[in-house]
Amino acid sequence: MTDAVRCLFCRIVAGEIPATLVGESPEAVAFRDLTPQAPVHLLIIPRLHVVSLNDPDAARVLGPMASLARELAEREGFAEAGYRAVMNTNGDGGQSVFHLHMHILAGRPLKWPPG
């Protein structure tokens, strides 16, 4: 991907756009969502540009993203109470930034079904 067409999340990974980082690993970074939908709303993104779960490279990054989610849940103190991990895929699935990302929602009881 060229610099001219790098997506928002690639620019965050590159440090070109500031974000409140809460965790990172060699494969992924996590930061606070700018428009939180719960008291805790984190985004976990792979460092590698992967468009969505439909991307063949998604399998390479899902394990590290899940591991970072578990680590953050324990560190931030919501692992025992519970949390939701959500990944939206493409337009009808609610994906608005086309770089694979996992929403971590916690800090209140979450209802089902969502949206």
C-alpha atoms as a PDB file:
ATOM      1  CA  MET A   1       0.000   0.000   0.000  1.00  0.00           C
ATOM      2  CA  THR A   2       1.430   3.381  -0.960  1.00  0.00           C
ATOM      3  CA  ASP A   3       1.662   6.329   1.422  1.00  0.00           C
ATOM      4  CA  ALA A   4      -0.988   8.188  -0.581  1.00  0.00           C
ATOM      5  CA  VAL A   5      -3.643   5.547   0.044  1.00  0.00           C
ATOM      6  CA  ARG A   6      -2.793   4.294   3.529  1.00  0.00           C
ATOM      7  CA  CYS A   7      -5.863   3.795   5.634  1.00  0.00           C
ATOM      8  CA  LEU A   8      -6.603   5.509   8.940  1.00  0.00           C
ATOM      9  CA  PHE A   9      -5.502   2.520  11.036  1.00  0.00           C
ATOM     10  CA  CYS A  10      -2.289   2.039   9.046  1.00  0.00           C
ATOM     11  CA  ARG A  11      -1.492   5.663   9.801  1.00  0.00           C
ATOM     12  CA  ILE A  12      -2.112   5.059  13.513  1.00  0.00           C
ATOM     13  CA  VAL A  13       0.225   2.033  13.418  1.00  0.00           C
ATOM     14  CA  ALA A  14       2.858   4.210  11.703  1.00  0.00           C
ATOM     15  CA  GLY A  15       2.513   6.905  14.399  1.00  0.00           C
ATOM     16  CA  GLU A  16       1.276   9.502  11.901  1.00  0.00           C
ATOM     17  CA  ILE A  17      -2.051   9.939  13.702  1.00  0.00           C
ATOM     18  CA  PRO A  18      -2.125  10.105  17.500  1.00  0.00           C
ATOM     19  CA  ALA A  19      -4.088   7.525  19.453  1.00  0.00           C
ATOM     20  CA  THR A  20      -4.278   6.679  23.148  1.00  0.00           C
ATOM     21  CA  LEU A  21      -2.408   3.368  23.021  1.00  0.00           C
ATOM     22  CA  VAL A  22      -3.268   0.956  25.822  1.00  0.00           C
ATOM     23  CA  GLY A  23      -1.300  -2.063  24.641  1.00  0.00           C
ATOM     24  CA  GLU A  24       0.752  -3.516  21.857  1.00  0.00           C
ATOM     25  CA  SER A  25       2.478  -6.639  20.675  1.00  0.00           C
ATOM     26  CA  PRO A  26       4.743  -7.310  17.704  1.00  0.00           C
ATOM     27  CA  GLU A  27       1.622  -8.093  15.636  1.00  0.00           C
ATOM     28  CA  ALA A  28      -1.062  -5.708  16.961  1.00  0.00           C
ATOM     29  CA  VAL A  29      -1.811  -2.440  18.733  1.00  0.00           C
ATOM     30  CA  ALA A  30      -4.728  -1.429  20.955  1.00  0.00           C
ATOM     31  CA  PHE A  31      -6.123   2.017  21.632  1.00  0.00           C
ATOM     32  CA  ARG A  32      -9.210   3.706  23.056  1.00  0.00           C
ATOM     33  CA  ASP A  33     -12.104   4.336  20.667  1.00  0.00           C
ATOM     34  CA  LEU A  34     -12.801   8.029  20.071  1.00  0.00           C
ATOM     35  CA  THR A  35     -16.575   7.447  20.251  1.00  0.00           C
ATOM     36  CA  PRO A  36     -16.981   4.854  23.004  1.00  0.00           C
ATOM     37  CA  GLN A  37     -20.146   2.745  23.062  1.00  0.00           C
ATOM     38  CA  ALA A  38     -19.462   1.412  26.577  1.00  0.00           C
ATOM     39  CA  PRO A  39     -17.477   2.626  29.608  1.00  0.00           C
ATOM     40  CA  VAL A  40     -14.544   0.652  28.180  1.00  0.00           C
ATOM     41  CA  HIS A  41     -14.268   0.619  24.383  1.00  0.00           C
ATOM     42  CA  LEU A  42     -10.948  -0.439  22.932  1.00  0.00           C
ATOM     43  CA  LEU A  43      -9.927  -1.179  19.354  1.00  0.00           C
ATOM     44  CA  ILE A  44      -7.331  -3.813  18.544  1.00  0.00           C
ATOM     45  CA  ILE A  45      -5.814  -3.680  15.074  1.00  0.00           C
ATOM     46  CA  PRO A  46      -3.138  -5.754  13.370  1.00  0.00           C
ATOM     47  CA  ARG A  47       0.012  -3.953  12.319  1.00  0.00           C
ATOM     48  CA  LEU A  48      -0.352  -5.687   8.950  1.00  0.00           C
ATOM     49  CA  HIS A  49      -3.006  -4.136   6.694  1.00  0.00           C
ATOM     50  CA  VAL A  50      -5.740  -6.761   6.515  1.00  0.00           C
ATOM     51  CA  VAL A  51      -8.984  -5.447   5.016  1.00  0.00           C
ATOM     52  CA  SER A  52     -11.506  -7.685   6.809  1.00  0.00           C
ATOM     53  CA  LEU A  53     -12.199 -11.218   7.988  1.00  0.00           C
ATOM     54  CA  ASN A  54     -12.685 -12.064   4.315  1.00  0.00           C
ATOM     55  CA  ASP A  55      -9.001 -11.322   3.659  1.00  0.00           C
ATOM     56  CA  PRO A  56      -6.844 -14.474   3.347  1.00  0.00           C
ATOM     57  CA  ASP A  57      -4.314 -12.894   5.771  1.00  0.00           C
ATOM     58  CA  ALA A  58      -6.925 -12.591   8.551  1.00  0.00           C
ATOM     59  CA  ALA A  59      -6.004 -15.996   9.999  1.00  0.00           C
ATOM     60  CA  ARG A  60      -2.407 -14.786  10.532  1.00  0.00           C
ATOM     61  CA  VAL A  61      -3.467 -11.933  12.822  1.00  0.00           C
ATOM     62  CA  LEU A  62      -6.515 -13.222  14.712  1.00  0.00           C
ATOM     63  CA  GLY A  63      -4.573 -15.188  17.339  1.00  0.00           C
ATOM     64  CA  PRO A  64      -2.315 -12.283  18.288  1.00  0.00           C
ATOM     65  CA  MET A  65      -5.313  -9.926  18.393  1.00  0.00           C
ATOM     66  CA  ALA A  66      -7.209 -12.308  20.706  1.00  0.00           C
ATOM     67  CA  SER A  67      -4.165 -12.682  22.951  1.00  0.00           C
ATOM     68  CA  LEU A  68      -3.841  -8.919  23.252  1.00  0.00           C
ATOM     69  CA  ALA A  69      -7.578  -8.668  24.081  1.00  0.00           C
ATOM     70  CA  ARG A  70      -7.191 -11.198  26.910  1.00  0.00           C
ATOM     71  CA  GLU A  71      -4.096  -9.412  28.253  1.00  0.00           C
ATOM     72  CA  LEU A  72      -5.863  -6.030  28.239  1.00  0.00           C
ATOM     73  CA  ALA A  73      -8.990  -7.452  29.911  1.00  0.00           C
ATOM     74  CA  GLU A  74      -6.863  -8.761  32.751  1.00  0.00           C
ATOM     75  CA  ARG A  75      -4.696  -5.628  33.032  1.00  0.00           C
ATOM     76  CA  GLU A  76      -7.664  -3.218  32.958  1.00  0.00           C
ATOM     77  CA  GLY A  77      -9.666  -5.336  35.395  1.00  0.00           C
ATOM     78  CA  PHE A  78     -12.731  -6.369  33.401  1.00  0.00           C
ATOM     79  CA  ALA A  79     -11.811  -9.973  32.541  1.00  0.00           C
ATOM     80  CA  GLU A  80     -13.787 -11.503  35.408  1.00  0.00           C
ATOM     81  CA  ALA A  81     -16.903  -9.334  34.976  1.00  0.00           C
ATOM     82  CA  GLY A  82     -16.903 -10.001  31.237  1.00  0.00           C
ATOM     83  CA  TYR A  83     -16.551  -8.220  27.931  1.00  0.00           C
ATOM     84  CA  ARG A  84     -17.555  -8.446  24.307  1.00  0.00           C
ATOM     85  CA  ALA A  85     -15.157  -8.793  21.359  1.00  0.00           C
ATOM     86  CA  VAL A  86     -16.731  -7.753  18.049  1.00  0.00           C
ATOM     87  CA  MET A  87     -15.438  -7.681  14.475  1.00  0.00           C
ATOM     88  CA  ASN A  88     -17.615  -6.172  11.759  1.00  0.00           C
ATOM     89  CA  THR A  89     -17.088  -7.301   8.174  1.00  0.00           C
ATOM     90  CA  ASN A  90     -17.941  -5.149   5.154  1.00  0.00           C
ATOM     91  CA  GLY A  91     -20.766  -2.655   4.778  1.00  0.00           C
ATOM     92  CA  ASP A  92     -23.787  -4.710   5.833  1.00  0.00           C
ATOM     93  CA  GLY A  93     -21.786  -5.984   8.811  1.00  0.00           C
ATOM     94  CA  GLY A  94     -21.155  -2.427  10.000  1.00  0.00           C
ATOM     95  CA  GLN A  95     -17.478  -2.121   9.058  1.00  0.00           C
ATOM     96  CA  SER A  96     -16.600   1.553   8.497  1.00  0.00           C
ATOM     97  CA  VAL A  97     -12.786   1.408   8.452  1.00  0.00           C
ATOM     98  CA  PHE A  98     -11.543  -1.232   6.038  1.00  0.00           C
ATOM     99  CA  HIS A  99      -8.647  -2.441   8.145  1.00  0.00           C
ATOM    100  CA  LEU A 100      -9.531  -5.454  10.286  1.00  0.00           C
ATOM    101  CA  HIS A 101     -10.236  -4.404  13.868  1.00  0.00           C
ATOM    102  CA  MET A 102     -11.691  -5.869  17.021  1.00  0.00           C
ATOM    103  CA  HIS A 103     -13.900  -3.807  19.316  1.00  0.00           C
ATOM    104  CA  ILE A 104     -13.574  -4.663  23.011  1.00  0.00           C
ATOM    105  CA  LEU A 105     -16.595  -3.453  24.990  1.00  0.00           C
ATOM    106  CA  ALA A 106     -16.807  -3.686  28.780  1.00  0.00           C
ATOM    107  CA  GLY A 107     -17.702  -1.859  31.958  1.00  0.00           C
ATOM    108  CA  ARG A 108     -21.473  -2.463  31.916  1.00  0.00           C
ATOM    109  CA  PRO A 109     -23.859  -5.364  31.232  1.00  0.00           C
ATOM    110  CA  LEU A 110     -24.173  -5.791  27.464  1.00  0.00           C
ATOM    111  CA  LYS A 111     -27.517  -6.769  25.971  1.00  0.00           C
ATOM    112  CA  TRP A 112     -28.232  -9.358  23.284  1.00  0.00           C
ATOM    113  CA  PRO A 113     -28.968  -9.213  20.452  1.00  0.00           C
ATOM    114  CA  PRO A 114     -26.882  -6.191  19.495  1.00  0.00           C
ATOM    115  CA  GLY A 115     -27.969  -3.640  16.828  1.00  0.00           C
END
